[in-house]
Structure formats: structure tokens, C-alpha cells
Amino acid sequence: MCAEVDYEDRGTYRKVPPPSEALVERTRQVEAGMPGERVPEQAWGTFFAVSCGVMDMGSFQRMFEARRIALSYLAMQRARYARRHGGGTGLRCIGD
């Protein structure tokens, strides 16, 4: 989760785009529906930010599982939309 890392091979942290609003919203919805104690509000900012932060392992595991479920849901929704609207495979044959 740390934004600045100096690896031994001199690699640098590669900037990644922030998560979509749909992913953040769905993840929070999934987490709200999970049994057990809710994750503290300040942990959400740390979880989705590309920065250093501290949170307890239980909160991280709960949010990680909720994100995994949310990603699966959004992927299925996108696939269903593509089939209904003729999404095709995205492959194109080009002659030599």
C-alpha cells in the first residue's frame, strides 16, 4: 500500500489508476452485508489509496474479501452487458 518503494533492482513504484467509483461503492455494499463488525470509516481511505497507512489485519482481510466479491460481480455484469449489446470477442483477423 505504500506509494514510494525503492526496490533492490532500482525499480520504482509504478503509478496505478485509482479504483473506479463503481468498485469502491460495490465493495462497501458487500462489506456492509457481511456478518460481523463493520470496518472503521478511516480504514476505507487507507485501503483504496495508493499511500502508506495503518489498519488492523482483520479490517484488511474483510475489505480484501469484499473487494474480491465486488470485482467478480462487476466482471459478470460487464460480460452480461457485452453479450446483450453484441460485444464480440474483440479479436480481429488481418491478412498478411
C-alpha atoms as a PDB file:
ATOM      1  CA  MET A   1       0.000   0.000   0.000  1.00  0.00           C
ATOM      2  CA  CYS A   2       2.975   2.311   0.123  1.00  0.00           C
ATOM      3  CA  ALA A   3       3.344   4.768  -2.748  1.00  0.00           C
ATOM      4  CA  GLU A   4       7.100   5.139  -2.648  1.00  0.00           C
ATOM      5  CA  VAL A   5       9.186   1.976  -2.675  1.00  0.00           C
ATOM      6  CA  ASP A   6      12.856   1.677  -3.591  1.00  0.00           C
ATOM      7  CA  TYR A   7      13.395  -1.908  -4.653  1.00  0.00           C
ATOM      8  CA  GLU A   8      16.813  -3.562  -4.704  1.00  0.00           C
ATOM      9  CA  ASP A   9      16.696  -3.718  -8.507  1.00  0.00           C
ATOM     10  CA  ARG A  10      16.220   0.072  -8.626  1.00  0.00           C
ATOM     11  CA  GLY A  11      12.638  -0.373  -9.778  1.00  0.00           C
ATOM     12  CA  THR A  12      10.223   2.293  -8.671  1.00  0.00           C
ATOM     13  CA  TYR A  13       6.630   2.066  -7.667  1.00  0.00           C
ATOM     14  CA  ARG A  14       4.529   2.204 -10.802  1.00  0.00           C
ATOM     15  CA  LYS A  15       1.598   4.549 -10.523  1.00  0.00           C
ATOM     16  CA  VAL A  16      -1.713   2.790 -10.895  1.00  0.00           C
ATOM     17  CA  PRO A  17      -5.052   4.397 -11.687  1.00  0.00           C
ATOM     18  CA  PRO A  18      -7.357   4.771  -8.701  1.00  0.00           C
ATOM     19  CA  PRO A  19     -10.204   2.256  -8.362  1.00  0.00           C
ATOM     20  CA  SER A  20     -13.435   3.139 -10.115  1.00  0.00           C
ATOM     21  CA  GLU A  21     -16.275   4.634  -8.139  1.00  0.00           C
ATOM     22  CA  ALA A  22     -18.344   1.558  -9.050  1.00  0.00           C
ATOM     23  CA  LEU A  23     -15.746  -0.731  -7.454  1.00  0.00           C
ATOM     24  CA  VAL A  24     -15.490   1.360  -4.292  1.00  0.00           C
ATOM     25  CA  GLU A  25     -19.279   1.572  -3.952  1.00  0.00           C
ATOM     26  CA  ARG A  26     -19.860  -2.148  -4.600  1.00  0.00           C
ATOM     27  CA  THR A  27     -17.054  -3.134  -2.209  1.00  0.00           C
ATOM     28  CA  ARG A  28     -18.584  -1.047   0.560  1.00  0.00           C
ATOM     29  CA  GLN A  29     -22.019  -2.545  -0.145  1.00  0.00           C
ATOM     30  CA  VAL A  30     -20.632  -6.079   0.029  1.00  0.00           C
ATOM     31  CA  GLU A  31     -18.773  -5.328   3.270  1.00  0.00           C
ATOM     32  CA  ALA A  32     -21.929  -3.840   4.801  1.00  0.00           C
ATOM     33  CA  GLY A  33     -23.777  -7.083   4.068  1.00  0.00           C
ATOM     34  CA  MET A  34     -21.119  -9.315   5.610  1.00  0.00           C
ATOM     35  CA  PRO A  35     -21.721 -10.697   9.097  1.00  0.00           C
ATOM     36  CA  GLY A  36     -19.589  -9.306  11.894  1.00  0.00           C
ATOM     37  CA  GLU A  37     -18.296  -5.929  12.937  1.00  0.00           C
ATOM     38  CA  ARG A  38     -18.085  -3.244  10.243  1.00  0.00           C
ATOM     39  CA  VAL A  39     -14.751  -1.807   9.161  1.00  0.00           C
ATOM     40  CA  PRO A  40     -13.896   1.618  10.662  1.00  0.00           C
ATOM     41  CA  GLU A  41     -14.513   4.509   8.249  1.00  0.00           C
ATOM     42  CA  GLN A  42     -10.879   5.718   8.267  1.00  0.00           C
ATOM     43  CA  ALA A  43      -9.686   2.280   7.099  1.00  0.00           C
ATOM     44  CA  TRP A  44     -11.501   2.703   3.767  1.00  0.00           C
ATOM     45  CA  GLY A  45      -9.352   5.659   2.783  1.00  0.00           C
ATOM     46  CA  THR A  46      -6.219   3.682   3.551  1.00  0.00           C
ATOM     47  CA  PHE A  47      -7.438   0.574   1.738  1.00  0.00           C
ATOM     48  CA  PHE A  48      -8.250   2.289  -1.569  1.00  0.00           C
ATOM     49  CA  ALA A  49      -5.465   4.896  -1.514  1.00  0.00           C
ATOM     50  CA  VAL A  50      -2.047   4.385  -3.056  1.00  0.00           C
ATOM     51  CA  SER A  51      -0.315   5.621   0.070  1.00  0.00           C
ATOM     52  CA  CYS A  52       1.069   4.313   3.310  1.00  0.00           C
ATOM     53  CA  GLY A  53      -1.318   3.755   6.138  1.00  0.00           C
ATOM     54  CA  VAL A  54      -2.035   1.543   9.091  1.00  0.00           C
ATOM     55  CA  MET A  55      -5.028  -0.704   9.686  1.00  0.00           C
ATOM     56  CA  ASP A  56      -5.628  -3.863  11.639  1.00  0.00           C
ATOM     57  CA  MET A  57      -5.312  -7.163   9.798  1.00  0.00           C
ATOM     58  CA  GLY A  58      -8.949  -8.118  10.437  1.00  0.00           C
ATOM     59  CA  SER A  59     -10.187  -4.973   8.676  1.00  0.00           C
ATOM     60  CA  PHE A  60      -7.806  -5.536   5.776  1.00  0.00           C
ATOM     61  CA  GLN A  61      -8.934  -9.146   5.311  1.00  0.00           C
ATOM     62  CA  ARG A  62     -12.590  -8.157   5.483  1.00  0.00           C
ATOM     63  CA  MET A  63     -12.159  -5.368   2.911  1.00  0.00           C
ATOM     64  CA  PHE A  64      -9.995  -7.572   0.676  1.00  0.00           C
ATOM     65  CA  GLU A  65     -12.676 -10.289   0.618  1.00  0.00           C
ATOM     66  CA  ALA A  66     -15.406  -7.705  -0.048  1.00  0.00           C
ATOM     67  CA  ARG A  67     -13.318  -6.270  -2.911  1.00  0.00           C
ATOM     68  CA  ARG A  68     -12.807  -9.736  -4.391  1.00  0.00           C
ATOM     69  CA  ILE A  69     -16.575 -10.347  -4.381  1.00  0.00           C
ATOM     70  CA  ALA A  70     -17.256  -6.878  -5.805  1.00  0.00           C
ATOM     71  CA  LEU A  71     -14.757  -7.403  -8.637  1.00  0.00           C
ATOM     72  CA  SER A  72     -16.396 -10.724  -9.524  1.00  0.00           C
ATOM     73  CA  TYR A  73     -19.833  -9.113  -9.532  1.00  0.00           C
ATOM     74  CA  LEU A  74     -18.755  -6.201 -11.716  1.00  0.00           C
ATOM     75  CA  ALA A  75     -16.971  -8.535 -14.154  1.00  0.00           C
ATOM     76  CA  MET A  76     -20.128 -10.645 -14.527  1.00  0.00           C
ATOM     77  CA  GLN A  77     -22.236  -7.531 -15.053  1.00  0.00           C
ATOM     78  CA  ARG A  78     -19.865  -6.308 -17.755  1.00  0.00           C
ATOM     79  CA  ALA A  79     -19.883  -9.699 -19.519  1.00  0.00           C
ATOM     80  CA  ARG A  80     -23.699  -9.791 -19.453  1.00  0.00           C
ATOM     81  CA  TYR A  81     -23.846  -6.276 -20.909  1.00  0.00           C
ATOM     82  CA  ALA A  82     -21.399  -7.180 -23.694  1.00  0.00           C
ATOM     83  CA  ARG A  83     -23.435 -10.247 -24.710  1.00  0.00           C
ATOM     84  CA  ARG A  84     -26.683  -8.276 -24.852  1.00  0.00           C
ATOM     85  CA  HIS A  85     -25.132  -5.495 -26.892  1.00  0.00           C
ATOM     86  CA  GLY A  86     -23.043  -7.554 -29.300  1.00  0.00           C
ATOM     87  CA  GLY A  87     -19.728  -7.039 -27.580  1.00  0.00           C
ATOM     88  CA  GLY A  88     -17.989  -9.726 -29.636  1.00  0.00           C
ATOM     89  CA  THR A  89     -14.602 -11.088 -28.748  1.00  0.00           C
ATOM     90  CA  GLY A  90     -12.545  -8.042 -29.547  1.00  0.00           C
ATOM     91  CA  LEU A  91     -10.332 -10.079 -31.902  1.00  0.00           C
ATOM     92  CA  ARG A  92      -9.802  -9.057 -35.482  1.00  0.00           C
ATOM     93  CA  CYS A  93      -8.182 -11.096 -38.244  1.00  0.00           C
ATOM     94  CA  ILE A  94      -5.875  -9.119 -40.501  1.00  0.00           C
ATOM     95  CA  GLY A  95      -4.404 -10.671 -43.640  1.00  0.00           C
ATOM     96  CA  ASP A  96      -0.708 -10.534 -44.384  1.00  0.00           C
END
